[in-house]
């Protein structure tokens, strides 16, 4: 074969690999988020869409527990220095499989839920309602803020052999991007896709 044909075939294979990588839907995406006031507390309601690679789903069914870390931060921009973090909150959600009952178990902050299927379990992991993220005393009514939210699979909580596998396999690095939206003390604080 000539050199040009080899180069053309190589370019086609590279293009196909990029298409197949971008066609996969695994990962975490934020569908919606809302911050609402309840007395002197601010509560977050959010919905994430979580899709795991087949290898991760199989690992859960074989007894590996997955921990999802949800992070929230409220920041205020300053012209003279880095952003001020007015509030930071973290929440951990645990997903496991119970082989005797053939059900998935979701646990977070004292709340437990069981699901019969993986999609149902992932929907429960991705649903956050009434999460206390900060108090009214932490914000100044006259200033503008930005709220940030993301969810990641906490690889440090995996058993050691799986942590090594996660370093070599992108399917195990499941994370959403930070989503930032404006926060106002008096206005609606909603993000939706």
Protein backbone atom coordinates (compact mmCIF):
# COMPACT_ATOMS: atom_id res chain seq x y z
CA UNK A 1 0.00 0.00 0.00
CA UNK A 2 1.13 3.49 -0.63
CA UNK A 3 1.94 5.88 2.18
CA UNK A 4 -1.06 8.12 1.37
CA UNK A 5 -3.55 5.27 1.64
CA UNK A 6 -2.10 4.25 5.00
CA UNK A 7 -2.35 7.84 6.23
CA UNK A 8 -5.95 8.08 4.99
CA UNK A 9 -6.93 4.83 6.76
CA UNK A 10 -5.19 6.00 9.95
CA UNK A 11 -7.05 9.34 9.86
CA UNK A 12 -10.37 7.53 9.32
CA UNK A 13 -9.72 5.26 12.30
CA UNK A 14 -8.82 8.23 14.50
CA UNK A 15 -11.99 10.06 13.41
CA UNK A 16 -14.11 6.98 14.15
CA UNK A 17 -12.60 6.66 17.62
CA UNK A 18 -13.48 10.30 18.38
CA UNK A 19 -17.04 9.74 17.17
CA UNK A 20 -17.43 6.62 19.30
CA UNK A 21 -16.05 8.40 22.37
CA UNK A 22 -18.37 11.38 21.95
CA UNK A 23 -21.35 9.11 21.22
CA UNK A 24 -21.15 7.52 24.66
CA UNK A 25 -23.54 9.07 27.13
CA UNK A 26 -21.93 7.88 30.36
CA UNK A 27 -21.32 10.48 33.00
CA UNK A 28 -23.18 12.93 35.18
CA UNK A 29 -25.12 15.91 33.91
CA UNK A 30 -27.03 18.48 35.94
CA UNK A 31 -30.61 18.77 34.71
CA UNK A 32 -31.90 21.37 37.16
CA UNK A 33 -31.11 23.16 40.40
CA UNK A 34 -33.07 25.52 42.60
CA UNK A 35 -32.17 27.32 45.81
CA UNK A 36 -35.15 28.26 47.94
CA UNK A 37 -35.51 30.01 51.27
CA UNK A 38 -37.11 28.40 54.29
CA UNK A 39 -37.06 30.74 57.29
CA UNK A 40 -33.35 31.56 57.78
CA UNK A 41 -32.07 28.54 55.84
CA UNK A 42 -31.43 28.14 52.14
CA UNK A 43 -32.27 24.72 50.71
CA UNK A 44 -31.08 23.19 47.45
CA UNK A 45 -33.23 21.01 45.20
CA UNK A 46 -31.40 19.46 42.26
CA UNK A 47 -31.70 16.72 39.67
CA UNK A 48 -28.72 14.98 38.05
CA UNK A 49 -28.77 12.51 35.19
CA UNK A 50 -26.30 9.71 35.95
CA UNK A 51 -25.29 7.07 33.44
CA UNK A 52 -22.60 4.55 34.31
CA UNK A 53 -20.42 2.49 32.02
CA UNK A 54 -21.28 -1.23 31.90
CA UNK A 55 -18.10 -2.05 33.85
CA UNK A 56 -19.17 0.15 36.75
CA UNK A 57 -22.67 -1.33 36.81
CA UNK A 58 -21.18 -4.82 36.86
CA UNK A 59 -18.83 -3.87 39.70
CA UNK A 60 -21.78 -2.64 41.79
CA UNK A 61 -23.64 -5.90 41.18
CA UNK A 62 -20.57 -7.81 42.35
CA UNK A 63 -20.43 -5.92 45.66
CA UNK A 64 -18.42 -2.74 45.04
CA UNK A 65 -19.95 0.24 46.85
CA UNK A 66 -19.95 3.55 44.96
CA UNK A 67 -19.82 6.90 46.75
CA UNK A 68 -21.08 10.00 44.96
CA UNK A 69 -19.88 13.37 46.29
CA UNK A 70 -22.10 16.41 45.70
CA UNK A 71 -20.45 19.78 46.21
CA UNK A 72 -22.07 23.19 46.54
CA UNK A 73 -20.42 26.58 46.88
CA UNK A 74 -21.67 30.12 47.05
CA UNK A 75 -19.09 32.66 45.91
CA UNK A 76 -18.86 36.41 45.57
CA UNK A 77 -16.55 37.98 43.02
CA UNK A 78 -14.04 40.59 44.18
CA UNK A 79 -12.10 42.85 41.85
CA UNK A 80 -9.02 43.01 44.08
CA UNK A 81 -8.60 39.34 45.03
CA UNK A 82 -9.85 35.82 44.42
CA UNK A 83 -13.54 35.01 44.83
CA UNK A 84 -14.82 34.92 48.38
CA UNK A 85 -16.49 31.64 49.31
CA UNK A 86 -19.48 32.62 51.41
CA UNK A 87 -20.70 29.04 51.85
CA UNK A 88 -19.45 25.55 51.06
CA UNK A 89 -21.39 22.31 51.55
CA UNK A 90 -20.70 18.68 50.68
CA UNK A 91 -22.92 15.65 50.71
CA UNK A 92 -22.11 11.99 50.14
CA UNK A 93 -24.49 9.41 48.69
CA UNK A 94 -23.72 5.69 48.87
CA UNK A 95 -24.91 3.19 46.26
CA UNK A 96 -24.67 -0.55 46.96
CA UNK A 97 -26.29 -3.78 45.80
CA UNK A 98 -27.86 -6.35 48.16
CA UNK A 99 -27.64 -9.77 46.44
CA UNK A 100 -30.02 -11.54 48.86
CA UNK A 101 -32.89 -9.15 48.18
CA UNK A 102 -31.67 -8.30 44.65
CA UNK A 103 -32.15 -4.60 45.35
CA UNK A 104 -29.98 -1.52 45.19
CA UNK A 105 -29.60 0.51 48.35
CA UNK A 106 -29.05 4.26 48.37
CA UNK A 107 -28.00 6.00 51.61
CA UNK A 108 -27.34 9.69 52.25
CA UNK A 109 -27.47 11.78 55.42
CA UNK A 110 -29.57 9.26 57.34
CA UNK A 111 -31.96 8.73 54.44
CA UNK A 112 -32.11 5.25 52.88
CA UNK A 113 -33.96 4.10 49.81
CA UNK A 114 -34.14 0.80 47.93
CA UNK A 115 -34.59 0.32 44.21
CA UNK A 116 -35.18 -2.74 42.06
CA UNK A 117 -33.27 -1.60 38.96
CA UNK A 118 -30.05 0.30 38.30
CA UNK A 119 -31.78 3.17 36.42
CA UNK A 120 -34.17 3.62 39.36
CA UNK A 121 -31.23 3.61 41.79
CA UNK A 122 -29.29 6.16 39.74
CA UNK A 123 -32.35 8.40 39.58
CA UNK A 124 -32.55 8.28 43.39
CA UNK A 125 -28.83 9.09 43.71
CA UNK A 126 -29.29 12.04 41.35
CA UNK A 127 -32.32 13.50 43.16
CA UNK A 128 -31.58 16.01 45.90
CA UNK A 129 -34.39 17.66 47.79
CA UNK A 130 -34.30 20.07 50.73
CA UNK A 131 -30.53 19.97 51.27
CA UNK A 132 -29.54 22.74 53.71
CA UNK A 133 -26.58 24.49 52.06
CA UNK A 134 -26.24 27.78 53.96
CA UNK A 135 -27.91 30.20 56.38
CA UNK A 136 -29.15 33.73 55.68
CA UNK A 137 -26.48 35.10 58.03
CA UNK A 138 -23.79 33.94 55.55
CA UNK A 139 -24.95 36.25 52.74
CA UNK A 140 -25.32 40.01 52.42
CA UNK A 141 -28.63 41.01 50.80
CA UNK A 142 -27.06 43.89 48.88
CA UNK A 143 -24.35 41.87 47.14
CA UNK A 144 -24.49 39.52 44.17
CA UNK A 145 -23.33 35.93 44.43
CA UNK A 146 -22.79 32.95 42.19
CA UNK A 147 -23.88 29.43 43.15
CA UNK A 148 -21.86 26.44 41.96
CA UNK A 149 -22.84 22.77 41.95
CA UNK A 150 -21.30 19.50 40.81
CA UNK A 151 -21.37 15.74 41.49
CA UNK A 152 -18.49 13.28 41.21
CA UNK A 153 -17.82 9.62 41.84
CA UNK A 154 -15.45 9.60 44.84
CA UNK A 155 -12.65 7.30 43.69
CA UNK A 156 -10.83 7.52 47.03
CA UNK A 157 -13.61 5.47 48.68
CA UNK A 158 -13.22 2.54 46.28
CA UNK A 159 -11.30 -0.56 47.39
CA UNK A 160 -7.58 -0.22 46.56
CA UNK A 161 -7.53 -2.60 43.54
CA UNK A 162 -10.37 -0.62 41.97
CA UNK A 163 -8.60 2.68 42.64
CA UNK A 164 -5.70 1.43 40.51
CA UNK A 165 -8.15 0.37 37.80
CA UNK A 166 -9.83 3.80 37.96
CA UNK A 167 -6.50 5.51 37.23
CA UNK A 168 -6.16 3.52 34.00
CA UNK A 169 -9.80 3.51 32.89
CA UNK A 170 -11.73 6.65 31.94
CA UNK A 171 -15.06 4.87 32.45
CA UNK A 172 -14.44 5.03 36.20
CA UNK A 173 -13.83 8.81 36.24
CA UNK A 174 -17.45 9.88 36.42
CA UNK A 175 -18.03 13.56 37.15
CA UNK A 176 -20.20 16.47 36.15
CA UNK A 177 -18.83 19.85 35.25
CA UNK A 178 -19.28 22.71 37.67
CA UNK A 179 -22.52 24.50 36.88
CA UNK A 180 -22.65 28.10 38.01
CA UNK A 181 -25.71 30.30 38.11
CA UNK A 182 -26.45 33.69 39.70
CA UNK A 183 -27.86 33.81 43.22
CA UNK A 184 -30.00 36.67 44.45
CA UNK A 185 -31.36 37.04 47.98
CA UNK A 186 -34.76 38.17 46.66
CA UNK A 187 -35.03 36.66 43.20
CA UNK A 188 -35.67 33.19 41.83
CA UNK A 189 -32.51 31.08 41.95
CA UNK A 190 -33.10 28.44 39.31
CA UNK A 191 -30.88 26.63 36.83
CA UNK A 192 -32.48 24.35 34.24
CA UNK A 193 -31.37 22.66 31.03
